[in-house]
Amino acid sequence: MDVVGKEEKKDETKFDALGLDPKLVQAMHKKKGIRGPTQVQRVVVPAARMGKDVLVRADTGSGKTLAYLLPMVHKLMGEGDRKGWKALVLVPTRELCKQVADEALWIANRCGNAFGVTNLASKGKSAATKAALATVEDLVVSTPATVADCVRKGVLPTQVLQERLQTLVLDEADLLLTYGYGEDLQTVTNNVPRSCQCMLISATLNDDVEQLKELVLHNPQVIDVHPEKDKKTGRTGVAETVEHFKVECQGKDKLLCVAVALKMGLVAKKTLVFVNTINTGYKVKLFLESFGVRSAVLNAELPLNSRQHILQEFNKGLFDHLIATDSTSAKSNANGKGNNGTSPKRKRGTQDGEYGVVRGIDFRGVRTVLNFDMPEDINGYIHRAGRTGRAGRTGACVTLCAEDETAFLETVDRHLQGDQEEQCIKPLEGLTKSQVEAFRYRGEDVARRITRNAIKEARAKEIRMELLNSERLQSHFEDNPKDLALLKHDKTLQKSPGLAHLKNVPNYMRDSKTLAAVSDLSKKRKLESSSRRGTRPESKNAVAFLPASKLGCSKEDDELTPMEKSVFGSKLWSNRKLIRKTGNVRKNKRRSR
């Protein structure tokens, strides 16, 4: 049975209509940034409350996490007794584990701690995992590998799962097998009782999801929720508020195009840059540093604590550009399956096999996604573009396309077009050839200095700094969490200071067409900002979210700490006060005249 958005009841515009526990409803009303349930929540929550197995397909940023957390928490609050392993949420990455666990903890704290939450994947080492299992709470969030490892070693008795587990959720189901969790999922699901309610949540439906459906679900209700307009246009999985652009260039000119786009303000901040390899990420960072564009790097080599802190600082708006390594392509081969039909095993090494930021992670306030490297497939493009334009907000996805990548981008464009004839991925206005050529002499001079040894040294320096931040100072930060603000992840990695004149763009290097495009973009941003401050028209399928603040913060936990205010205050905290102060000074001058 398929359920789409148009079949939902018209009165289900508030959490009260979903039949949830009153404490849970009250908590949702107090949650910043949310006015009411989204379309996917209005459809999924009633079906899940009936105890049915469900398979949910919904766009990125549509509120899928709360769609399965709300009925799960409602069931836990009705139990009364506190026992571990009543509910289990399996996600592909540790970053997503923390995000889901934090969301559940927020709900628990505002519901009188009627249930507990354990993030099993955050422990890392086996000794810490054993200690966590001794005091495990009602709701457990983990990766499949962590739970399966505990089962194999006998740390987690299979009898516990068979007797206690009531709800199992596989979030980002289309990615679980890609990450090589096939054997781990088999180990876990073999010990799931028949009476357990199972839910599969995904942004796309593919062969992997069908395989998990046969493995986990029993006579499921299929819920496919996405806007009616997207069904006609074929924009499966991508919000219609996201604009798509391309920059056709030679592969060697990609660095130059990124620097021009960011330096000239052709793309809106905050910017999330995706690369396919760690070395490329550091190469982009070093190149941008030379032009005075500060950025941070996020990849699987960095310690877990550092990765989580980088995400927190980026979401708070303490830096504007984040270069993230998309490791999804490295985790899958051409077919994504082994010879026996199972997913290939993950490679063990210095990199964290459970790292991933392309899917599921809520990067708050991201206005532009910039694909420096082309994604592995169409689903990879969809999930990258899904990091912006979330919860009904506008965003842009800009892709740098070399000559040998044109065919793939045309395939993506046809997928986005659907039945429309108009091209979806359009050229980025303002990034003219003359503007790029104006930067070429400087860019080629900088690129010659970024050698393999320079990248290797920068990579080693970053790891040393983050290991120091993560391990040696861990106990201090546990006692003084506010001091984390002193750790800046956008520090320069260059061995010698760059040339000062590269940070400024003289007038003779500014192309008139580029300046006109920047001016138009600035006017467009002001109009969007003013419209967000005003009232939005109510519509049947409107996403009921409040607009994000200038810092990209939408949660109470994301407010700047006193230490952060002292460190970053001149840039972020006192802008409004300065504006008011200068405004009052001007008024007093007029009166004195």
Protein backbone atom coordinates (compact mmCIF):
# COMPACT_ATOMS: atom_id res chain seq x y z
CA MET A 1 0.00 0.00 0.00
CA ASP A 2 1.48 3.34 -1.06
CA VAL A 3 0.75 6.44 0.93
CA VAL A 4 1.52 9.82 -0.54
CA GLY A 5 1.28 13.33 0.83
CA LYS A 6 -2.03 14.18 -0.84
CA GLU A 7 -3.84 11.44 1.12
CA GLU A 8 -3.03 12.92 4.52
CA LYS A 9 -5.76 14.43 6.68
CA LYS A 10 -6.17 18.16 6.46
CA ASP A 11 -6.42 18.66 10.24
CA GLU A 12 -3.07 17.02 10.96
CA THR A 13 -1.16 20.30 10.99
CA LYS A 14 -0.12 20.16 14.64
CA PHE A 15 1.58 17.58 16.83
CA ASP A 16 -1.59 17.35 18.96
CA ALA A 17 -3.38 15.62 16.07
CA LEU A 18 -0.83 12.78 15.88
CA GLY A 19 -2.01 11.10 19.09
CA LEU A 20 1.32 11.42 20.86
CA ASP A 21 1.96 11.60 24.60
CA PRO A 22 1.10 15.09 25.98
CA LYS A 23 4.61 15.57 27.35
CA LEU A 24 6.04 14.76 23.96
CA VAL A 25 3.66 17.18 22.24
CA GLN A 26 4.59 19.92 24.70
CA ALA A 27 8.29 19.28 24.06
CA MET A 28 7.77 19.62 20.30
CA HIS A 29 5.95 22.92 20.78
CA LYS A 30 8.95 24.25 22.70
CA LYS A 31 11.47 23.11 20.09
CA LYS A 32 13.05 26.05 18.33
CA GLY A 33 12.72 26.20 14.57
CA ILE A 34 9.62 23.98 14.33
CA ARG A 35 6.01 25.10 14.09
CA GLY A 36 4.40 21.74 13.43
CA PRO A 37 4.93 18.30 11.92
CA THR A 38 6.31 18.09 8.40
CA GLN A 39 4.61 16.19 5.61
CA VAL A 40 6.59 12.99 6.21
CA GLN A 41 5.93 13.16 9.97
CA ARG A 42 2.18 13.61 9.47
CA VAL A 43 2.08 10.42 7.39
CA VAL A 44 4.64 8.19 9.12
CA VAL A 45 3.85 8.79 12.81
CA PRO A 46 0.24 7.47 12.72
CA ALA A 47 1.29 4.41 10.71
CA ALA A 48 4.19 3.65 13.06
CA ARG A 49 1.99 4.12 16.15
CA MET A 50 -0.21 1.27 14.88
CA GLY A 51 2.78 -1.06 15.24
CA LYS A 52 3.19 -1.78 11.52
CA ASP A 53 6.51 -2.38 9.78
CA VAL A 54 7.10 0.58 7.47
CA LEU A 55 9.38 1.45 4.56
CA VAL A 56 9.72 5.23 4.22
CA ARG A 57 11.09 7.11 1.21
CA ALA A 58 11.34 10.88 1.65
CA ASP A 59 13.54 13.70 0.43
CA THR A 60 16.65 14.86 2.25
CA GLY A 61 15.95 17.49 4.89
CA SER A 62 12.25 16.58 5.17
CA GLY A 63 12.30 15.61 8.87
CA LYS A 64 12.74 11.83 8.63
CA THR A 65 14.63 11.57 11.94
CA LEU A 66 11.73 12.89 14.01
CA ALA A 67 9.33 10.84 11.88
CA TYR A 68 10.67 7.62 13.41
CA LEU A 69 11.83 9.02 16.77
CA LEU A 70 8.42 10.38 17.78
CA PRO A 71 6.46 7.08 17.61
CA MET A 72 9.42 5.24 19.12
CA VAL A 73 9.63 7.64 22.08
CA HIS A 74 5.83 7.56 22.48
CA LYS A 75 6.01 3.79 22.90
CA LEU A 76 8.92 4.03 25.40
CA MET A 77 7.11 6.62 27.51
CA GLY A 78 4.07 4.38 27.73
CA GLU A 79 6.09 1.45 29.08
CA GLY A 80 6.91 2.94 32.47
CA ASP A 81 9.79 0.61 33.39
CA ARG A 82 13.38 1.38 32.42
CA LYS A 83 15.20 -1.47 30.68
CA GLY A 84 17.96 -1.40 28.12
CA TRP A 85 17.66 -2.38 24.45
CA LYS A 86 13.98 -1.64 24.02
CA ALA A 87 14.65 0.36 20.85
CA LEU A 88 17.63 0.22 18.48
CA VAL A 89 18.51 2.73 15.74
CA LEU A 90 21.21 1.65 13.28
CA VAL A 91 22.87 4.29 11.10
CA PRO A 92 25.90 4.03 8.77
CA THR A 93 28.26 6.60 10.34
CA ARG A 94 29.39 7.80 13.75
CA GLU A 95 28.61 11.40 12.82
CA LEU A 96 24.99 10.45 12.18
CA CYS A 97 24.95 8.43 15.43
CA LYS A 98 25.74 11.54 17.41
CA GLN A 99 23.15 13.62 15.56
CA VAL A 100 20.35 11.10 16.17
CA ALA A 101 21.38 10.52 19.79
CA ASP A 102 21.50 14.27 20.49
CA GLU A 103 18.01 14.67 19.03
CA ALA A 104 16.67 11.86 21.22
CA LEU A 105 18.43 13.24 24.31
CA TRP A 106 16.88 16.66 23.69
CA ILE A 107 13.44 15.04 23.71
CA ALA A 108 14.24 12.97 26.81
CA ASN A 109 15.39 16.02 28.79
CA ARG A 110 12.12 17.81 28.08
CA CYS A 111 9.95 14.82 28.86
CA GLY A 112 11.13 14.40 32.44
CA ASN A 113 13.77 11.81 31.48
CA ALA A 114 11.06 9.19 31.02
CA PHE A 115 13.54 7.21 28.93
CA GLY A 116 17.30 7.08 28.42
CA VAL A 117 19.54 7.23 25.36
CA THR A 118 22.90 5.55 24.72
CA ASN A 119 25.19 6.37 21.80
CA LEU A 120 27.12 3.12 21.56
CA ALA A 121 29.26 4.11 18.58
CA SER A 122 30.77 7.11 20.39
CA LYS A 123 32.78 4.90 22.75
CA GLY A 124 35.26 3.73 20.15
CA LYS A 125 37.43 1.33 22.11
CA SER A 126 36.23 -2.09 23.25
CA ALA A 127 36.77 -1.34 26.95
CA ALA A 128 34.61 1.78 26.74
CA THR A 129 31.98 -0.14 24.80
CA LYS A 130 31.83 -2.81 27.50
CA ALA A 131 31.38 -0.12 30.15
CA ALA A 132 28.57 1.44 28.11
CA LEU A 133 26.82 -1.91 27.74
CA ALA A 134 26.76 -2.30 31.51
CA THR A 135 24.56 0.79 31.83
CA VAL A 136 22.82 0.80 28.45
CA GLU A 137 19.56 2.76 28.25
CA ASP A 138 16.15 2.14 26.63
CA LEU A 139 17.06 3.67 23.27
CA VAL A 140 20.37 2.67 21.70
CA VAL A 141 21.89 4.43 18.69
CA SER A 142 24.80 2.70 16.98
CA THR A 143 26.37 1.54 13.76
CA PRO A 144 25.70 -2.08 12.71
CA ALA A 145 29.37 -2.99 13.12
CA THR A 146 29.48 -1.97 16.79
CA VAL A 147 26.40 -3.98 17.77
CA ALA A 148 27.46 -6.99 15.68
CA ASP A 149 30.94 -6.93 17.23
CA CYS A 150 29.43 -6.97 20.72
CA VAL A 151 27.24 -9.94 19.75
CA ARG A 152 30.13 -11.92 18.26
CA LYS A 153 32.36 -11.36 21.30
CA GLY A 154 29.59 -12.35 23.69
CA VAL A 155 29.59 -8.95 25.38
CA LEU A 156 25.96 -8.52 24.32
CA PRO A 157 24.00 -11.75 24.95
CA THR A 158 21.65 -12.58 22.09
CA GLN A 159 18.98 -13.37 24.66
CA VAL A 160 18.84 -9.68 25.62
CA LEU A 161 17.88 -8.65 22.10
CA GLN A 162 15.43 -11.50 21.66
CA GLU A 163 13.60 -10.70 24.91
CA ARG A 164 13.71 -6.89 25.07
CA LEU A 165 13.92 -5.40 21.58
CA GLN A 166 10.60 -3.84 20.55
CA THR A 167 11.56 -1.38 17.79
CA LEU A 168 14.34 -1.54 15.18
CA VAL A 169 15.10 1.33 12.79
CA LEU A 170 17.53 1.25 9.86
CA ASP A 171 18.16 4.89 8.98
CA GLU A 172 19.78 5.82 5.64
CA ALA A 173 19.03 2.26 4.55
CA ASP A 174 20.28 2.86 1.01
CA LEU A 175 23.77 3.52 2.40
CA LEU A 176 24.12 0.69 4.92
CA LEU A 177 25.12 -1.97 2.40
CA THR A 178 27.34 0.48 0.52
CA TYR A 179 29.37 0.87 3.70
CA GLY A 180 29.84 -2.89 3.82
CA TYR A 181 27.51 -3.67 6.72
CA GLY A 182 25.94 -6.71 5.03
CA GLU A 183 27.37 -9.34 7.40
CA ASP A 184 26.89 -7.11 10.44
CA LEU A 185 23.22 -6.55 9.62
CA GLN A 186 22.75 -10.29 9.14
CA THR A 187 24.23 -10.91 12.60
CA VAL A 188 21.94 -8.35 14.24
CA THR A 189 18.71 -9.24 12.43
CA ASN A 190 19.14 -12.95 13.19
CA ASN A 191 18.51 -12.06 16.83
CA VAL A 192 15.57 -9.70 16.29
CA PRO A 193 12.31 -11.18 17.65
CA ARG A 194 9.38 -11.66 15.30
CA SER A 195 7.24 -9.31 17.40
CA CYS A 196 9.71 -6.41 16.95
CA GLN A 197 8.47 -3.48 14.84
CA CYS A 198 10.96 -2.62 12.08
CA MET A 199 11.30 0.58 10.07
CA LEU A 200 13.48 1.31 7.03
CA ILE A 201 14.15 5.00 6.31
CA SER A 202 15.75 6.11 3.05
CA ALA A 203 15.98 9.05 0.67
CA THR A 204 16.12 6.76 -2.37
CA LEU A 205 14.80 3.31 -3.23
CA ASN A 206 17.31 0.96 -4.86
CA ASP A 207 18.30 -2.72 -4.92
CA ASP A 208 20.05 -2.44 -1.54
CA VAL A 209 16.88 -1.16 0.09
CA GLU A 210 14.88 -3.99 -1.50
CA GLN A 211 17.40 -6.48 -0.12
CA LEU A 212 17.06 -5.04 3.39
CA LYS A 213 13.30 -5.01 3.01
CA GLU A 214 13.29 -8.77 2.42
CA LEU A 215 15.71 -9.29 5.30
CA VAL A 216 14.05 -7.18 8.00
CA LEU A 217 10.45 -6.23 7.22
CA HIS A 218 7.30 -8.35 7.45
CA ASN A 219 4.35 -7.27 5.26
CA PRO A 220 5.44 -3.61 5.44
CA GLN A 221 3.48 -0.48 4.63
CA VAL A 222 5.38 1.46 1.95
CA ILE A 223 5.24 5.21 2.49
CA ASP A 224 6.55 7.36 -0.34
CA VAL A 225 6.44 11.02 0.62
CA HIS A 226 7.67 13.72 -1.70
CA PRO A 227 6.08 16.79 -3.25
CA GLU A 228 3.66 16.27 -6.14
CA LYS A 229 5.67 18.72 -8.23
CA ASP A 230 8.79 16.60 -7.85
CA LYS A 231 6.89 13.53 -9.11
CA LYS A 232 6.13 15.36 -12.34
CA THR A 233 9.57 16.89 -12.81
CA GLY A 234 11.54 13.83 -11.72
CA ARG A 235 13.56 15.70 -9.05
CA THR A 236 13.58 12.59 -6.89
CA GLY A 237 15.23 13.23 -3.53
CA VAL A 238 16.21 16.87 -4.19
CA ALA A 239 14.25 19.76 -2.71
CA GLU A 240 12.76 22.10 -5.30
CA THR A 241 14.23 25.07 -3.41
CA VAL A 242 17.75 24.02 -4.50
CA GLU A 243 19.12 25.63 -7.66
CA HIS A 244 21.68 23.70 -9.72
CA PHE A 245 24.63 25.29 -11.51
CA LYS A 246 27.70 24.08 -13.38
CA VAL A 247 31.09 25.51 -14.21
CA GLU A 248 32.64 23.94 -17.30
CA CYS A 249 36.42 24.11 -17.14
CA GLN A 250 39.57 22.10 -17.58
CA GLY A 251 40.52 19.82 -14.72
CA LYS A 252 43.64 21.85 -13.94
CA ASP A 253 41.54 25.04 -13.62
CA LYS A 254 39.21 23.75 -10.92
CA LEU A 255 41.31 25.25 -8.12
CA LEU A 256 41.29 28.59 -9.90
CA CYS A 257 37.50 28.52 -10.39
CA VAL A 258 36.88 27.72 -6.70
CA ALA A 259 39.11 30.58 -5.58
CA VAL A 260 37.40 33.05 -7.95
CA ALA A 261 33.90 31.95 -6.91
CA LEU A 262 34.62 32.29 -3.18
CA LYS A 263 36.84 35.36 -3.37
CA MET A 264 34.46 37.34 -5.60
CA GLY A 265 31.36 36.32 -3.62
CA LEU A 266 29.66 34.48 -6.50
CA VAL A 267 28.32 31.84 -4.12
CA ALA A 268 26.52 32.43 -0.83
CA LYS A 269 28.02 31.52 2.52
CA LYS A 270 28.10 29.10 4.28
CA THR A 271 29.80 26.88 1.73
CA LEU A 272 30.30 23.11 1.86
CA VAL A 273 32.96 21.89 -0.61
CA PHE A 274 32.99 18.18 -1.48
CA VAL A 275 36.13 16.36 -2.68
CA ASN A 276 36.71 12.65 -3.27
CA THR A 277 40.15 12.21 -1.66
CA ILE A 278 41.86 13.52 1.46
CA ASN A 279 44.85 14.84 -0.49
CA THR A 280 42.56 16.87 -2.75
CA GLY A 281 40.90 18.37 0.33
CA TYR A 282 44.21 19.65 1.69
CA LYS A 283 45.24 20.87 -1.76
CA VAL A 284 42.07 22.98 -1.99
CA LYS A 285 42.60 24.28 1.55
CA LEU A 286 46.22 25.32 0.89
CA PHE A 287 45.23 27.01 -2.37
CA LEU A 288 42.43 29.00 -0.74
CA GLU A 289 44.67 29.98 2.18
CA SER A 290 47.00 31.77 -0.24
CA PHE A 291 44.12 34.02 -1.30
CA GLY A 292 43.04 34.74 2.28
CA VAL A 293 40.05 32.36 2.27
CA ARG A 294 40.07 30.41 5.53
CA SER A 295 38.49 26.97 5.63
CA ALA A 296 38.43 23.78 7.69
CA VAL A 297 38.93 20.19 6.54
CA LEU A 298 36.77 17.21 7.50
CA ASN A 299 37.88 13.67 6.65
CA ALA A 300 38.14 10.12 7.98
CA GLU A 301 41.73 10.51 9.22
CA LEU A 302 40.79 13.00 11.92
CA PRO A 303 39.85 11.70 15.39
CA LEU A 304 36.15 11.28 16.13
CA ASN A 305 36.12 14.00 18.81
CA SER A 306 37.69 16.47 16.40
CA ARG A 307 35.23 15.64 13.63
CA GLN A 308 32.29 16.17 15.95
CA HIS A 309 33.69 19.48 17.19
CA ILE A 310 34.34 20.69 13.62
CA LEU A 311 30.68 20.00 12.77
CA GLN A 312 29.52 21.87 15.89
CA GLU A 313 31.67 24.93 15.13
CA PHE A 314 30.60 24.97 11.48
CA ASN A 315 26.92 24.75 12.45
CA LYS A 316 27.39 27.66 14.86
CA GLY A 317 28.83 29.77 12.04
CA LEU A 318 32.32 30.20 13.49
CA PHE A 319 33.79 29.66 10.02
CA ASP A 320 32.18 29.87 6.59
CA HIS A 321 33.86 27.23 4.43
CA LEU A 322 34.16 23.50 5.13
CA ILE A 323 36.00 21.07 2.82
CA ALA A 324 34.55 17.59 3.36
CA THR A 325 35.87 14.35 1.89
CA ASP A 326 33.11 12.21 0.40
CA SER A 327 34.34 8.71 1.21
CA THR A 328 31.25 6.98 -0.18
CA SER A 329 32.86 6.29 -3.55
CA ALA A 330 35.84 4.67 -1.88
CA LYS A 331 33.56 2.31 0.01
CA SER A 332 31.82 0.90 -3.03
CA ASN A 333 33.00 -0.83 -6.18
CA ALA A 334 31.35 -0.67 -9.56
CA ASN A 335 28.54 -3.03 -8.62
CA GLY A 336 28.48 -2.50 -4.87
CA LYS A 337 28.27 -6.27 -4.30
CA GLY A 338 30.63 -9.17 -3.84
CA ASN A 339 30.56 -12.41 -5.75
CA ASN A 340 28.17 -13.99 -3.27
CA GLY A 341 25.68 -11.14 -3.47
CA THR A 342 26.72 -9.53 -0.20
CA SER A 343 28.36 -6.18 0.26
CA PRO A 344 32.16 -6.00 0.30
CA LYS A 345 33.89 -5.78 3.66
CA ARG A 346 35.18 -2.43 4.82
CA LYS A 347 38.89 -1.82 4.62
CA ARG A 348 40.59 -1.49 7.95
CA GLY A 349 43.31 1.08 8.23
CA THR A 350 44.22 4.46 9.69
CA GLN A 351 40.96 5.93 8.40
CA ASP A 352 37.71 5.52 10.27
CA GLY A 353 35.55 3.07 8.31
CA GLU A 354 32.42 4.50 9.94
CA TYR A 355 33.06 8.08 8.81
CA GLY A 356 30.57 9.79 6.52
CA VAL A 357 29.11 13.27 6.16
CA VAL A 358 27.39 13.19 2.77
CA ARG A 359 24.13 11.59 3.91
CA GLY A 360 21.95 12.28 6.90
CA ILE A 361 24.10 14.94 8.56
CA ASP A 362 22.24 18.22 9.10
CA PHE A 363 24.65 20.99 8.12
CA ARG A 364 22.77 24.04 9.38
CA GLY A 365 22.72 27.26 7.44
CA VAL A 366 24.56 25.89 4.38
CA ARG A 367 23.65 28.08 1.40
CA THR A 368 25.93 26.51 -1.21
CA VAL A 369 27.20 23.00 -1.92
CA LEU A 370 30.22 23.06 -4.22
CA ASN A 371 31.21 19.80 -5.94
CA PHE A 372 34.94 20.17 -6.59
CA ASP A 373 35.08 16.49 -7.55
CA MET A 374 32.25 14.73 -9.32
CA PRO A 375 30.22 12.30 -7.16
CA GLU A 376 30.28 8.56 -7.82
CA ASP A 377 26.71 8.29 -9.13
CA ILE A 378 23.37 10.10 -9.32
CA ASN A 379 22.44 9.15 -5.76
CA GLY A 380 25.72 10.67 -4.60
CA TYR A 381 24.79 13.93 -6.32
CA ILE A 382 21.32 13.88 -4.76
CA HIS A 383 22.66 13.42 -1.26
CA ARG A 384 25.34 16.07 -1.68
CA ALA A 385 22.78 18.57 -2.96
CA GLY A 386 20.57 17.58 -0.02
CA ARG A 387 22.99 19.23 2.43
CA THR A 388 21.49 22.58 1.42
CA GLY A 389 17.93 23.74 0.85
CA ARG A 390 16.81 21.86 3.95
CA ALA A 391 13.44 22.42 5.65
CA GLY A 392 12.09 24.59 2.84
CA ARG A 393 15.02 27.01 2.73
CA THR A 394 16.75 28.04 -0.48
CA GLY A 395 20.16 26.78 -1.55
CA ALA A 396 22.45 26.19 -4.52
CA CYS A 397 24.50 23.23 -5.74
CA VAL A 398 27.47 24.23 -7.93
CA THR A 399 29.42 21.52 -9.78
CA LEU A 400 32.82 21.96 -11.42
CA CYS A 401 32.75 19.91 -14.62
CA ALA A 402 35.83 18.92 -16.61
CA GLU A 403 35.61 17.81 -20.23
CA ASP A 404 35.59 14.09 -19.40
CA GLU A 405 32.83 14.59 -16.81
CA THR A 406 30.31 16.27 -19.09
CA ALA A 407 28.47 13.04 -19.99
CA PHE A 408 27.82 12.17 -16.34
CA LEU A 409 26.54 15.66 -15.51
CA GLU A 410 24.18 15.49 -18.49
CA THR A 411 22.81 12.22 -17.05
CA VAL A 412 22.21 13.96 -13.72
CA ASP A 413 20.52 16.84 -15.53
CA ARG A 414 18.13 14.47 -17.32
CA HIS A 415 17.28 12.85 -13.98
CA LEU A 416 16.47 16.26 -12.49
CA GLN A 417 14.48 17.37 -15.54
CA GLY A 418 12.01 14.51 -15.59
CA ASP A 419 9.28 15.45 -18.07
CA GLN A 420 10.46 19.02 -18.41
CA GLU A 421 12.40 20.22 -21.42
CA GLU A 422 14.11 23.09 -19.62
CA GLN A 423 17.65 22.46 -18.44
CA CYS A 424 17.96 22.16 -14.64
CA ILE A 425 21.74 22.52 -14.28
CA LYS A 426 22.55 25.96 -15.65
CA PRO A 427 25.88 27.78 -16.08
CA LEU A 428 26.94 29.85 -13.07
CA GLU A 429 26.50 33.50 -13.99
CA GLY A 430 29.35 35.83 -13.20
CA LEU A 431 32.15 33.28 -13.38
CA THR A 432 33.29 34.54 -16.76
CA LYS A 433 36.39 33.46 -18.67
CA SER A 434 37.83 36.96 -18.42
CA GLN A 435 37.44 36.92 -14.62
CA VAL A 436 39.15 33.53 -14.38
CA GLU A 437 41.96 34.69 -16.66
CA ALA A 438 42.49 37.73 -14.44
CA PHE A 439 43.35 35.37 -11.58
CA ARG A 440 45.35 32.92 -13.70
CA TYR A 441 48.83 34.39 -13.20
CA ARG A 442 48.44 34.48 -9.43
CA GLY A 443 46.72 31.10 -9.33
CA GLU A 444 49.35 29.28 -11.36
CA ASP A 445 52.09 30.79 -9.20
CA VAL A 446 50.35 29.53 -6.04
CA ALA A 447 49.60 26.10 -7.54
CA ARG A 448 53.30 25.54 -8.33
CA ARG A 449 54.11 25.87 -4.62
CA ILE A 450 51.51 23.28 -3.59
CA THR A 451 53.60 20.19 -4.26
CA ARG A 452 53.03 16.63 -3.07
CA ASN A 453 55.43 17.21 -0.21
CA ALA A 454 53.58 20.38 0.80
CA ILE A 455 50.28 18.46 0.86
CA LYS A 456 51.90 15.62 2.81
CA GLU A 457 53.32 18.05 5.39
CA ALA A 458 49.98 19.87 5.74
CA ARG A 459 48.16 16.58 6.17
CA ALA A 460 50.58 15.43 8.88
CA LYS A 461 50.42 18.81 10.63
CA GLU A 462 46.62 18.73 10.70
CA ILE A 463 46.57 15.20 12.14
CA ARG A 464 49.11 16.14 14.85
CA MET A 465 47.07 19.19 15.86
CA GLU A 466 43.79 17.29 15.96
CA LEU A 467 45.28 14.35 17.87
CA LEU A 468 46.53 16.83 20.45
CA ASN A 469 43.09 18.42 20.63
CA SER A 470 41.31 15.08 20.81
CA GLU A 471 43.41 12.95 23.17
CA ARG A 472 45.80 14.92 25.38
CA LEU A 473 43.25 17.62 26.21
CA GLN A 474 40.22 15.35 26.38
CA SER A 475 40.15 15.14 30.19
CA HIS A 476 40.58 18.92 30.48
CA PHE A 477 37.71 19.60 28.10
CA GLU A 478 35.48 17.20 30.03
CA ASP A 479 35.97 19.42 33.09
CA ASN A 480 36.00 22.69 31.12
CA PRO A 481 33.77 22.19 28.06
CA LYS A 482 33.59 25.93 27.32
CA ASP A 483 37.32 25.99 26.58
CA LEU A 484 36.62 24.06 23.39
CA ALA A 485 36.05 27.45 21.80
CA LEU A 486 39.81 27.99 21.86
CA LEU A 487 40.26 25.19 19.31
CA LYS A 488 40.03 26.75 15.88
CA HIS A 489 39.83 24.23 13.06
CA ASP A 490 40.34 26.76 10.25
CA LYS A 491 43.98 27.54 11.12
CA THR A 492 46.44 27.94 8.28
CA LEU A 493 48.53 24.88 7.38
CA GLN A 494 51.11 26.56 5.16
CA LYS A 495 54.72 26.14 6.26
CA SER A 496 55.56 29.77 5.45
CA PRO A 497 53.22 32.77 5.48
CA GLY A 498 51.61 33.47 2.13
CA LEU A 499 52.08 36.61 0.08
CA ALA A 500 49.96 39.42 1.50
CA HIS A 501 49.05 40.95 -1.86
CA LEU A 502 47.23 37.76 -2.94
CA LYS A 503 44.53 38.36 -0.33
CA ASN A 504 43.39 41.57 -2.04
CA VAL A 505 41.71 41.81 -5.44
CA PRO A 506 42.62 45.09 -7.20
CA ASN A 507 40.07 46.84 -9.40
CA TYR A 508 41.83 45.94 -12.65
CA MET A 509 41.20 42.23 -11.86
CA ARG A 510 37.45 42.68 -11.38
CA ASP A 511 35.36 41.83 -14.42
CA SER A 512 32.29 44.03 -14.99
CA LYS A 513 30.00 41.07 -15.71
CA THR A 514 31.16 39.36 -12.52
CA LEU A 515 30.50 42.49 -10.47
CA ALA A 516 27.02 42.75 -11.99
CA ALA A 517 26.29 39.11 -11.10
CA VAL A 518 27.54 39.66 -7.54
CA SER A 519 25.29 42.72 -7.24
CA ASP A 520 22.26 40.76 -8.45
CA LEU A 521 23.06 37.94 -6.04
CA SER A 522 23.34 40.40 -3.15
CA LYS A 523 19.91 41.87 -3.98
CA LYS A 524 18.43 38.38 -4.18
CA ARG A 525 19.82 37.49 -0.74
CA LYS A 526 18.35 40.67 0.77
CA LEU A 527 14.93 39.85 -0.69
CA GLU A 528 15.11 36.31 0.68
CA SER A 529 16.18 37.62 4.07
CA SER A 530 13.32 40.11 4.22
CA SER A 531 10.80 37.48 3.10
CA ARG A 532 12.00 35.12 5.85
CA ARG A 533 11.46 37.82 8.45
CA GLY A 534 7.93 38.35 7.18
CA THR A 535 4.99 35.94 7.40
CA ARG A 536 4.92 32.99 5.06
CA PRO A 537 1.72 31.95 3.33
CA GLU A 538 0.24 28.74 4.67
CA SER A 539 -0.10 25.92 2.19
CA LYS A 540 -1.11 22.29 2.36
CA ASN A 541 2.36 20.91 1.67
CA ALA A 542 4.36 23.73 3.25
CA VAL A 543 7.19 22.64 5.48
CA ALA A 544 6.48 23.98 8.95
CA PHE A 545 9.94 25.22 9.92
CA LEU A 546 11.06 28.61 11.12
CA PRO A 547 13.89 30.28 9.18
CA ALA A 548 17.43 29.73 10.43
CA SER A 549 19.28 32.50 12.21
CA LYS A 550 22.26 34.27 10.68
CA LEU A 551 24.61 31.93 12.52
CA GLY A 552 22.83 28.86 11.22
CA CYS A 553 21.69 27.96 14.75
CA SER A 554 18.24 26.50 15.33
CA LYS A 555 18.71 24.68 18.65
CA GLU A 556 19.26 25.87 22.18
CA ASP A 557 22.42 23.77 22.45
CA ASP A 558 23.95 25.68 19.52
CA GLU A 559 24.06 29.04 21.30
CA LEU A 560 27.53 30.53 21.63
CA THR A 561 29.18 29.88 24.98
CA PRO A 562 30.72 32.76 26.96
CA MET A 563 34.19 31.63 25.89
CA GLU A 564 33.12 31.58 22.25
CA LYS A 565 31.66 35.06 22.59
CA SER A 566 34.99 36.33 23.90
CA VAL A 567 36.96 34.60 21.13
CA PHE A 568 34.65 35.24 18.16
CA GLY A 569 32.52 38.08 19.48
CA SER A 570 33.94 40.86 17.32
CA LYS A 571 32.94 38.95 14.19
CA LEU A 572 29.63 37.36 15.08
CA TRP A 573 28.12 38.40 18.39
CA SER A 574 28.13 42.18 18.40
CA ASN A 575 27.01 42.91 14.83
CA ARG A 576 23.49 43.97 15.80
CA LYS A 577 24.73 46.04 18.75
CA LEU A 578 27.18 47.88 16.48
CA ILE A 579 24.46 48.57 13.95
CA ARG A 580 22.14 49.94 16.64
CA LYS A 581 24.96 52.02 18.12
CA THR A 582 25.93 53.61 14.80
CA GLY A 583 22.27 54.23 14.04
CA ASN A 584 21.78 56.07 17.33
CA VAL A 585 24.91 58.16 16.72
CA ARG A 586 23.57 59.27 13.33
CA LYS A 587 20.21 60.19 14.87
CA ASN A 588 21.91 62.29 17.59
CA LYS A 589 23.99 64.13 14.97
CA ARG A 590 20.88 65.00 13.00
CA ARG A 591 19.15 66.31 16.13
CA SER A 592 22.17 68.43 17.10
CA ARG A 593 22.09 70.05 13.65
